[in-house]
C-alpha cells in the first residue's frame, strides 16, 4: 500500500537501531501513522515538480 502512496520513483528506506525496546501497539493504527507520514512528505514534493 505504501508503494501506491509513494509512487515508483520514491525509495523507502529504514534503519532500526539494534537496541530498541519493545512496544505494544495496534497494527492498524501504526500502519496509518506511517502512511500519513509518508503522504505528508511526498505531497509537497509532487506539488513542486508539477508547478515547474
N, C-alpha and C. Protein backbone atom coordinates (compact mmCIF):
# COMPACT_ATOMS: atom_id res chain seq x y z
N UNK A 1 0.81 -1.19 0.00
CA UNK A 1 0.00 0.00 0.00
C UNK A 1 0.87 1.26 0.00
N UNK A 2 1.98 1.22 0.70
CA UNK A 2 2.88 2.38 0.70
C UNK A 2 3.42 2.67 -0.69
N UNK A 3 3.63 1.64 -1.48
CA UNK A 3 4.15 1.84 -2.83
C UNK A 3 3.18 2.66 -3.66
N UNK A 4 1.88 2.46 -3.48
CA UNK A 4 0.89 3.25 -4.22
C UNK A 4 0.91 4.70 -3.78
N UNK A 5 1.10 4.95 -2.48
CA UNK A 5 1.14 6.32 -1.98
C UNK A 5 2.42 7.02 -2.41
N UNK A 6 3.54 6.32 -2.29
CA UNK A 6 4.83 6.93 -2.56
C UNK A 6 5.12 7.06 -4.05
N UNK A 7 4.62 6.15 -4.85
CA UNK A 7 4.94 6.13 -6.27
C UNK A 7 6.20 5.32 -6.51
N UNK A 8 6.48 5.04 -7.74
CA UNK A 8 7.61 4.17 -8.06
C UNK A 8 8.95 4.89 -8.08
N UNK A 9 8.94 6.21 -8.06
CA UNK A 9 10.20 6.97 -8.08
C UNK A 9 10.77 7.23 -6.70
N UNK A 10 10.03 6.88 -5.65
CA UNK A 10 10.47 7.14 -4.28
C UNK A 10 10.99 5.84 -3.67
N UNK A 11 12.16 5.92 -3.05
CA UNK A 11 12.75 4.76 -2.39
C UNK A 11 12.44 4.84 -0.90
N UNK A 12 11.85 3.80 -0.37
CA UNK A 12 11.53 3.73 1.05
C UNK A 12 12.66 2.96 1.73
N UNK A 13 13.35 3.64 2.63
CA UNK A 13 14.49 3.05 3.32
C UNK A 13 14.33 3.27 4.81
N UNK A 14 14.63 2.27 5.60
CA UNK A 14 14.55 2.43 7.04
C UNK A 14 15.74 1.76 7.71
N UNK A 15 16.13 2.30 8.83
CA UNK A 15 17.24 1.74 9.60
C UNK A 15 16.82 1.72 11.06
N UNK A 16 16.78 0.54 11.62
CA UNK A 16 16.39 0.39 13.02
C UNK A 16 17.62 0.24 13.89
N UNK A 17 17.59 0.88 15.03
CA UNK A 17 18.68 0.73 15.99
C UNK A 17 18.66 -0.68 16.55
N UNK A 18 19.81 -1.19 16.92
CA UNK A 18 19.91 -2.56 17.41
C UNK A 18 19.29 -2.74 18.79
N UNK A 19 19.34 -1.72 19.62
CA UNK A 19 18.89 -1.87 20.99
C UNK A 19 17.55 -1.16 21.25
N UNK A 20 16.60 -1.36 20.36
CA UNK A 20 15.28 -0.78 20.56
C UNK A 20 14.49 -1.61 21.57
N UNK A 21 13.63 -0.96 22.33
CA UNK A 21 12.81 -1.68 23.29
C UNK A 21 11.48 -2.04 22.62
N UNK A 22 10.85 -3.05 23.15
CA UNK A 22 9.59 -3.49 22.60
C UNK A 22 8.44 -2.59 23.02
N UNK A 23 7.43 -2.48 22.18
CA UNK A 23 6.24 -1.70 22.49
C UNK A 23 5.01 -2.51 22.10
N UNK A 24 3.90 -2.20 22.75
CA UNK A 24 2.63 -2.79 22.35
C UNK A 24 1.84 -1.71 21.62
N UNK A 25 1.44 -2.02 20.39
CA UNK A 25 0.71 -1.03 19.59
C UNK A 25 -0.27 -1.76 18.68
N UNK A 26 -1.32 -1.08 18.32
CA UNK A 26 -2.29 -1.61 17.39
C UNK A 26 -1.69 -1.53 15.99
N UNK A 27 -1.64 -2.65 15.30
CA UNK A 27 -1.01 -2.69 13.97
C UNK A 27 -1.66 -1.72 12.99
N UNK A 28 -2.98 -1.67 13.00
CA UNK A 28 -3.70 -0.79 12.08
C UNK A 28 -3.39 0.67 12.33
N UNK A 29 -3.32 1.07 13.60
CA UNK A 29 -3.01 2.46 13.92
C UNK A 29 -1.57 2.80 13.53
N UNK A 30 -0.66 1.87 13.77
CA UNK A 30 0.74 2.10 13.41
C UNK A 30 0.90 2.23 11.89
N UNK A 31 0.22 1.39 11.14
CA UNK A 31 0.27 1.49 9.68
C UNK A 31 -0.30 2.83 9.21
N UNK A 32 -1.38 3.29 9.85
CA UNK A 32 -1.98 4.57 9.47
C UNK A 32 -1.03 5.72 9.73
N UNK A 33 -0.31 5.68 10.85
CA UNK A 33 0.66 6.73 11.17
C UNK A 33 1.78 6.75 10.13
N UNK A 34 2.30 5.59 9.78
CA UNK A 34 3.39 5.51 8.80
C UNK A 34 2.91 6.02 7.44
N UNK A 35 1.69 5.62 7.03
CA UNK A 35 1.17 6.08 5.74
C UNK A 35 0.96 7.59 5.75
N UNK A 36 0.46 8.13 6.85
CA UNK A 36 0.25 9.58 6.93
C UNK A 36 1.57 10.33 6.84
N UNK A 37 2.58 9.84 7.54
CA UNK A 37 3.90 10.48 7.47
C UNK A 37 4.45 10.46 6.05
N UNK A 38 4.36 9.33 5.39
CA UNK A 38 4.85 9.21 4.02
C UNK A 38 4.08 10.13 3.08
N UNK A 39 2.77 10.16 3.24
CA UNK A 39 1.94 11.02 2.38
C UNK A 39 2.29 12.48 2.59
N UNK A 40 2.51 12.87 3.85
CA UNK A 40 2.84 14.26 4.15
C UNK A 40 4.21 14.66 3.62
N UNK A 41 5.10 13.72 3.44
CA UNK A 41 6.42 14.01 2.88
C UNK A 41 6.35 14.09 1.36
N UNK A 42 5.63 13.19 0.75
CA UNK A 42 5.60 13.10 -0.71
C UNK A 42 4.74 14.20 -1.34
N UNK A 43 3.62 14.55 -0.75
CA UNK A 43 2.69 15.51 -1.34
C UNK A 43 3.34 16.85 -1.67
N UNK A 44 4.07 17.50 -0.77
CA UNK A 44 4.71 18.77 -1.14
C UNK A 44 5.74 18.61 -2.26
N UNK A 45 6.43 17.50 -2.30
CA UNK A 45 7.40 17.25 -3.37
C UNK A 45 6.71 17.18 -4.72
N UNK A 46 5.56 16.54 -4.78
CA UNK A 46 4.82 16.43 -6.04
C UNK A 46 4.33 17.80 -6.49
N UNK A 47 3.93 18.64 -5.56
CA UNK A 47 3.48 19.98 -5.93
C UNK A 47 4.60 20.79 -6.55
N UNK A 48 5.80 20.65 -6.05
CA UNK A 48 6.94 21.39 -6.58
C UNK A 48 7.26 20.91 -7.99
N UNK A 49 7.24 19.60 -8.20
CA UNK A 49 7.55 19.04 -9.51
C UNK A 49 6.49 19.46 -10.53
N UNK A 50 5.23 19.42 -10.14
CA UNK A 50 4.15 19.74 -11.08
C UNK A 50 4.10 21.22 -11.42
N UNK A 51 4.55 22.08 -10.50
CA UNK A 51 4.43 23.51 -10.75
C UNK A 51 5.59 24.08 -11.55
N UNK A 52 6.60 23.28 -11.83
CA UNK A 52 7.74 23.80 -12.60
C UNK A 52 7.65 23.42 -14.05
